[in-house]
C-alpha atoms as a PDB file:
ATOM      1  CA  MET A   1      10.863 -10.129 -11.807  1.00  0.00           C
ATOM      2  CA  THR A   2      12.121  -8.849 -15.115  1.00  0.00           C
ATOM      3  CA  ALA A   3      10.615  -6.065 -17.168  1.00  0.00           C
ATOM      4  CA  HIS A   4       9.771  -8.683 -19.779  1.00  0.00           C
ATOM      5  CA  ALA A   5       7.799 -10.746 -17.243  1.00  0.00           C
ATOM      6  CA  PHE A   6       5.809  -7.689 -16.243  1.00  0.00           C
ATOM      7  CA  GLN A   7       4.958  -6.814 -19.817  1.00  0.00           C
ATOM      8  CA  THR A   8       3.815 -10.313 -20.758  1.00  0.00           C
ATOM      9  CA  ASP A   9       1.830 -11.103 -17.596  1.00  0.00           C
ATOM     10  CA  PRO A  10      -1.840 -11.162 -18.670  1.00  0.00           C
ATOM     11  CA  ARG A  11      -3.181 -10.452 -15.154  1.00  0.00           C
ATOM     12  CA  SER A  12      -4.221  -6.919 -14.256  1.00  0.00           C
ATOM     13  CA  LEU A  13      -2.057  -4.953 -11.858  1.00  0.00           C
ATOM     14  CA  SER A  14      -4.691  -5.168  -9.123  1.00  0.00           C
ATOM     15  CA  THR A  15      -4.918  -8.951  -9.546  1.00  0.00           C
ATOM     16  CA  ARG A  16      -1.151  -9.335  -9.419  1.00  0.00           C
ATOM     17  CA  LEU A  17      -0.870  -7.159  -6.316  1.00  0.00           C
ATOM     18  CA  ARG A  18      -3.648  -9.071  -4.559  1.00  0.00           C
ATOM     19  CA  GLU A  19      -2.206 -12.481  -5.440  1.00  0.00           C
ATOM     20  CA  GLU A  20       1.438 -11.646  -4.816  1.00  0.00           C
ATOM     21  CA  THR A  21       0.848  -9.943  -1.458  1.00  0.00           C
ATOM     22  CA  ARG A  22      -1.872 -12.253  -0.136  1.00  0.00           C
ATOM     23  CA  GLU A  23       0.363 -14.123   2.313  1.00  0.00           C
ATOM     24  CA  VAL A  24       1.818 -10.951   3.845  1.00  0.00           C
ATOM     25  CA  HIS A  25      -1.613  -9.341   4.146  1.00  0.00           C
ATOM     26  CA  GLU A  26      -3.122 -12.417   5.783  1.00  0.00           C
ATOM     27  CA  SER A  27      -0.265 -12.520   8.269  1.00  0.00           C
ATOM     28  CA  ALA A  28      -0.695  -8.832   9.102  1.00  0.00           C
ATOM     29  CA  GLU A  29      -4.463  -9.187   9.424  1.00  0.00           C
ATOM     30  CA  GLN A  30      -3.988 -11.975  11.969  1.00  0.00           C
ATOM     31  CA  SER A  31      -1.526 -10.054  14.138  1.00  0.00           C
ATOM     32  CA  PRO A  32      -2.470  -9.436  17.771  1.00  0.00           C
ATOM     33  CA  PHE A  33      -2.465  -5.672  17.204  1.00  0.00           C
ATOM     34  CA  MET A  34      -4.882  -5.871  14.265  1.00  0.00           C
ATOM     35  CA  ALA A  35      -7.179  -8.159  16.261  1.00  0.00           C
ATOM     36  CA  ARG A  36      -7.234  -5.564  19.061  1.00  0.00           C
ATOM     37  CA  LEU A  37      -7.736  -2.736  16.548  1.00  0.00           C
ATOM     38  CA  VAL A  38     -10.716  -4.431  14.899  1.00  0.00           C
ATOM     39  CA  ALA A  39     -12.203  -5.206  18.306  1.00  0.00           C
ATOM     40  CA  GLY A  40     -11.843  -1.563  19.353  1.00  0.00           C
ATOM     41  CA  GLN A  41      -9.421  -2.474  22.098  1.00  0.00           C
ATOM     42  CA  VAL A  42      -6.483  -0.192  21.284  1.00  0.00           C
ATOM     43  CA  SER A  43      -5.525   2.892  23.221  1.00  0.00           C
ATOM     44  CA  ARG A  44      -5.188   6.415  21.904  1.00  0.00           C
ATOM     45  CA  ALA A  45      -1.423   5.987  22.180  1.00  0.00           C
ATOM     46  CA  ASP A  46      -1.653   2.873  19.981  1.00  0.00           C
ATOM     47  CA  LEU A  47      -3.636   4.828  17.387  1.00  0.00           C
ATOM     48  CA  ARG A  48      -1.159   7.724  17.521  1.00  0.00           C
ATOM     49  CA  ASN A  49       1.728   5.319  16.955  1.00  0.00           C
ATOM     50  CA  LEU A  50      -0.044   3.607  14.054  1.00  0.00           C
ATOM     51  CA  THR A  51      -0.866   6.955  12.470  1.00  0.00           C
ATOM     52  CA  ALA A  52       2.734   8.128  12.840  1.00  0.00           C
ATOM     53  CA  GLN A  53       3.934   4.972  11.097  1.00  0.00           C
ATOM     54  CA  LEU A  54       1.411   5.360   8.283  1.00  0.00           C
ATOM     55  CA  VAL A  55       2.375   9.016   7.741  1.00  0.00           C
ATOM     56  CA  VAL A  56       5.927   7.866   6.970  1.00  0.00           C
ATOM     57  CA  VAL A  57       4.658   5.221   4.542  1.00  0.00           C
ATOM     58  CA  TYR A  58       2.177   7.473   2.729  1.00  0.00           C
ATOM     59  CA  THR A  59       4.664  10.345   2.535  1.00  0.00           C
ATOM     60  CA  ALA A  60       7.153   8.093   0.763  1.00  0.00           C
ATOM     61  CA  LEU A  61       4.523   6.592  -1.549  1.00  0.00           C
ATOM     62  CA  GLU A  62       3.029   9.936  -2.490  1.00  0.00           C
ATOM     63  CA  GLU A  63       6.415  11.558  -3.097  1.00  0.00           C
ATOM     64  CA  ALA A  64       7.443   8.658  -5.329  1.00  0.00           C
ATOM     65  CA  SER A  65       4.125   8.786  -7.173  1.00  0.00           C
ATOM     66  CA  ARG A  66       4.417  12.521  -7.800  1.00  0.00           C
ATOM     67  CA  SER A  67       8.012  12.158  -8.976  1.00  0.00           C
ATOM     68  CA  MET A  68       6.947   9.551 -11.553  1.00  0.00           C
ATOM     69  CA  SER A  69       3.677  11.208 -12.562  1.00  0.00           C
ATOM     70  CA  THR A  70       4.961  12.121 -16.025  1.00  0.00           C
ATOM     71  CA  ASP A  71       6.455   8.695 -16.748  1.00  0.00           C
ATOM     72  CA  SER A  72       4.796   7.246 -19.852  1.00  0.00           C
ATOM     73  CA  VAL A  73       3.824   4.026 -18.040  1.00  0.00           C
ATOM     74  CA  PHE A  74       3.283   5.229 -14.482  1.00  0.00           C
ATOM     75  CA  GLN A  75       1.194   8.277 -15.392  1.00  0.00           C
ATOM     76  CA  HIS A  76      -1.790   5.954 -15.863  1.00  0.00           C
ATOM     77  CA  PHE A  77      -1.587   4.946 -12.180  1.00  0.00           C
ATOM     78  CA  HIS A  78      -0.926   8.382 -10.688  1.00  0.00           C
ATOM     79  CA  ASP A  79      -4.026  10.106  -9.335  1.00  0.00           C
ATOM     80  CA  PRO A  80      -3.575  13.121  -7.042  1.00  0.00           C
ATOM     81  CA  ALA A  81      -7.132  12.539  -5.749  1.00  0.00           C
ATOM     82  CA  LEU A  82      -5.841   9.440  -3.966  1.00  0.00           C
ATOM     83  CA  GLU A  83      -3.266  11.337  -1.919  1.00  0.00           C
ATOM     84  CA  ARG A  84      -3.913  11.294   1.805  1.00  0.00           C
ATOM     85  CA  LEU A  85      -1.401  13.834   3.075  1.00  0.00           C
END
């Protein structure tokens, strides 16, 4: 995607994210692990492993968000209240 395409796309960011990640999310939601998680059939070790993986993801996202918090475009998306770590 080019910067020009982003600027001229009339859809909101949330709409674009939902539409452009739908297939990946549906696949993840149908995984055997997620089915067990939703059914309450995962072990404490499974939950520890999932949490450890998510800590890595959220650390990277939050660091990137903070580093771009003064960017003239990104500053509108940065909200420290949304940080989880």
